[in-house]
Amino acid sequence: MNDQFLVTTTSGFDRELKKLAAKHSGIAEVFGSLIEILKTNPYNGRQHPIRKLEGVAAGEGQYRIRIGRLRFRYDVEGHTVVLKACSLRREDSYR
């Protein structure tokens, strides 16, 4: 029995990822590990840095996962994970 989730992206996500990949090397490796994490269990906040965002409506990226300085927002619709947004956290955010 295969309980894996299907991971898809929106066109807006694809544009954001393409812009980040042009400026930062290593995005492809991070994206590959992100896909593997979300395929197995997009809800598991104990094993991975996943949070369900409060006050965010369905369709706007209710969940967030961070991998290093990258942040990804996504929704879960049945057995499909839809990646909505990606961003790079600035290094001087808390200085």
C-alpha atoms as a PDB file:
ATOM      1  CA  MET A   1       0.000   0.000   0.000  1.00  0.00           C
ATOM      2  CA  ASN A   2       1.420   3.361  -1.042  1.00  0.00           C
ATOM      3  CA  ASP A   3       0.432   6.275   1.184  1.00  0.00           C
ATOM      4  CA  GLN A   4       2.584   8.879  -0.544  1.00  0.00           C
ATOM      5  CA  PHE A   5       1.275  12.319  -1.414  1.00  0.00           C
ATOM      6  CA  LEU A   6       1.407  13.849  -4.879  1.00  0.00           C
ATOM      7  CA  VAL A   7       3.362  17.142  -4.886  1.00  0.00           C
ATOM      8  CA  THR A   8       2.448  19.806  -7.464  1.00  0.00           C
ATOM      9  CA  THR A   9       3.338  23.468  -7.939  1.00  0.00           C
ATOM     10  CA  THR A  10       1.516  26.599  -9.050  1.00  0.00           C
ATOM     11  CA  SER A  11       2.799  28.834 -11.833  1.00  0.00           C
ATOM     12  CA  GLY A  12       3.546  31.571  -9.279  1.00  0.00           C
ATOM     13  CA  PHE A  13       5.653  29.146  -7.259  1.00  0.00           C
ATOM     14  CA  ASP A  14       7.552  28.120 -10.402  1.00  0.00           C
ATOM     15  CA  ARG A  15       8.363  31.775 -11.198  1.00  0.00           C
ATOM     16  CA  GLU A  16       9.573  32.471  -7.637  1.00  0.00           C
ATOM     17  CA  LEU A  17      11.715  29.327  -7.581  1.00  0.00           C
ATOM     18  CA  LYS A  18      13.258  30.187 -10.948  1.00  0.00           C
ATOM     19  CA  LYS A  19      14.235  33.671  -9.705  1.00  0.00           C
ATOM     20  CA  LEU A  20      15.792  32.240  -6.538  1.00  0.00           C
ATOM     21  CA  ALA A  21      17.653  29.530  -8.438  1.00  0.00           C
ATOM     22  CA  ALA A  22      19.216  32.139 -10.723  1.00  0.00           C
ATOM     23  CA  LYS A  23      20.720  33.988  -7.740  1.00  0.00           C
ATOM     24  CA  HIS A  24      21.499  31.163  -5.298  1.00  0.00           C
ATOM     25  CA  SER A  25      23.230  27.877  -5.960  1.00  0.00           C
ATOM     26  CA  GLY A  26      22.053  24.791  -4.151  1.00  0.00           C
ATOM     27  CA  ILE A  27      18.338  25.481  -4.584  1.00  0.00           C
ATOM     28  CA  ALA A  28      17.905  22.301  -6.659  1.00  0.00           C
ATOM     29  CA  GLU A  29      19.212  20.080  -3.843  1.00  0.00           C
ATOM     30  CA  VAL A  30      16.966  21.787  -1.281  1.00  0.00           C
ATOM     31  CA  PHE A  31      13.971  21.468  -3.591  1.00  0.00           C
ATOM     32  CA  GLY A  32      14.678  17.749  -4.045  1.00  0.00           C
ATOM     33  CA  SER A  33      14.748  17.152  -0.307  1.00  0.00           C
ATOM     34  CA  LEU A  34      11.575  19.243   0.096  1.00  0.00           C
ATOM     35  CA  ILE A  35       9.725  17.024  -2.377  1.00  0.00           C
ATOM     36  CA  GLU A  36      10.799  13.878  -0.508  1.00  0.00           C
ATOM     37  CA  ILE A  37       9.654  15.305   2.840  1.00  0.00           C
ATOM     38  CA  LEU A  38       6.269  16.410   1.508  1.00  0.00           C
ATOM     39  CA  LYS A  39       5.677  13.123  -0.328  1.00  0.00           C
ATOM     40  CA  THR A  40       5.932  11.112   2.867  1.00  0.00           C
ATOM     41  CA  ASN A  41       4.035  13.299   5.357  1.00  0.00           C
ATOM     42  CA  PRO A  42       3.320  17.016   4.857  1.00  0.00           C
ATOM     43  CA  TYR A  43       1.848  17.307   8.381  1.00  0.00           C
ATOM     44  CA  ASN A  44       4.779  15.958  10.435  1.00  0.00           C
ATOM     45  CA  GLY A  45       5.992  18.948  12.445  1.00  0.00           C
ATOM     46  CA  ARG A  46       7.861  16.801  14.940  1.00  0.00           C
ATOM     47  CA  GLN A  47      10.278  15.337  12.455  1.00  0.00           C
ATOM     48  CA  HIS A  48      10.599  18.403  10.183  1.00  0.00           C
ATOM     49  CA  PRO A  49      10.181  22.173  10.735  1.00  0.00           C
ATOM     50  CA  ILE A  50       6.571  22.287   9.496  1.00  0.00           C
ATOM     51  CA  ARG A  51       3.973  24.683  10.921  1.00  0.00           C
ATOM     52  CA  LYS A  52       0.293  25.156  10.237  1.00  0.00           C
ATOM     53  CA  LEU A  53      -0.156  28.907   9.945  1.00  0.00           C
ATOM     54  CA  GLU A  54      -2.946  30.496  11.948  1.00  0.00           C
ATOM     55  CA  GLY A  55      -5.382  32.838  10.258  1.00  0.00           C
ATOM     56  CA  VAL A  56      -4.467  31.712   6.739  1.00  0.00           C
ATOM     57  CA  ALA A  57      -7.337  30.511   4.578  1.00  0.00           C
ATOM     58  CA  ALA A  58      -7.190  27.385   2.445  1.00  0.00           C
ATOM     59  CA  GLY A  59      -5.672  28.164  -0.936  1.00  0.00           C
ATOM     60  CA  GLU A  60      -3.228  30.727   0.451  1.00  0.00           C
ATOM     61  CA  GLY A  61      -0.583  28.346   1.763  1.00  0.00           C
ATOM     62  CA  GLN A  62      -1.786  27.104   5.137  1.00  0.00           C
ATOM     63  CA  TYR A  63       1.424  25.239   5.918  1.00  0.00           C
ATOM     64  CA  ARG A  64       5.038  26.406   6.008  1.00  0.00           C
ATOM     65  CA  ILE A  65       8.231  24.398   6.006  1.00  0.00           C
ATOM     66  CA  ARG A  66      11.681  25.876   6.390  1.00  0.00           C
ATOM     67  CA  ILE A  67      14.840  24.310   5.099  1.00  0.00           C
ATOM     68  CA  GLY A  68      17.859  26.413   5.997  1.00  0.00           C
ATOM     69  CA  ARG A  69      17.142  29.967   4.892  1.00  0.00           C
ATOM     70  CA  LEU A  70      14.395  28.920   2.469  1.00  0.00           C
ATOM     71  CA  ARG A  71      10.698  29.034   3.342  1.00  0.00           C
ATOM     72  CA  PHE A  72       8.026  27.178   1.396  1.00  0.00           C
ATOM     73  CA  ARG A  73       4.257  27.602   1.788  1.00  0.00           C
ATOM     74  CA  TYR A  74       1.815  24.955   0.666  1.00  0.00           C
ATOM     75  CA  ASP A  75      -1.712  23.595   0.988  1.00  0.00           C
ATOM     76  CA  VAL A  76      -2.806  19.986   1.383  1.00  0.00           C
ATOM     77  CA  GLU A  77      -5.862  18.979  -0.632  1.00  0.00           C
ATOM     78  CA  GLY A  78      -6.707  15.335  -0.043  1.00  0.00           C
ATOM     79  CA  HIS A  79      -3.582  13.394  -1.040  1.00  0.00           C
ATOM     80  CA  THR A  80      -2.157  16.299  -3.062  1.00  0.00           C
ATOM     81  CA  VAL A  81       0.324  18.884  -1.776  1.00  0.00           C
ATOM     82  CA  VAL A  82       0.203  22.151  -3.739  1.00  0.00           C
ATOM     83  CA  LEU A  83       3.293  24.345  -3.354  1.00  0.00           C
ATOM     84  CA  LYS A  84       2.188  27.989  -3.363  1.00  0.00           C
ATOM     85  CA  ALA A  85       5.174  30.187  -2.500  1.00  0.00           C
ATOM     86  CA  CYS A  86       8.884  30.096  -1.778  1.00  0.00           C
ATOM     87  CA  SER A  87      11.131  32.771  -0.344  1.00  0.00           C
ATOM     88  CA  LEU A  88      14.604  33.295   0.995  1.00  0.00           C
ATOM     89  CA  ARG A  89      14.977  34.629   4.499  1.00  0.00           C
ATOM     90  CA  ARG A  90      17.383  37.524   4.714  1.00  0.00           C
ATOM     91  CA  GLU A  91      20.437  37.001   6.880  1.00  0.00           C
ATOM     92  CA  ASP A  92      19.903  40.253   8.796  1.00  0.00           C
ATOM     93  CA  SER A  93      16.269  39.632   9.760  1.00  0.00           C
ATOM     94  CA  TYR A  94      16.900  39.642  13.507  1.00  0.00           C
ATOM     95  CA  ARG A  95      19.809  42.061  13.780  1.00  0.00           C
END
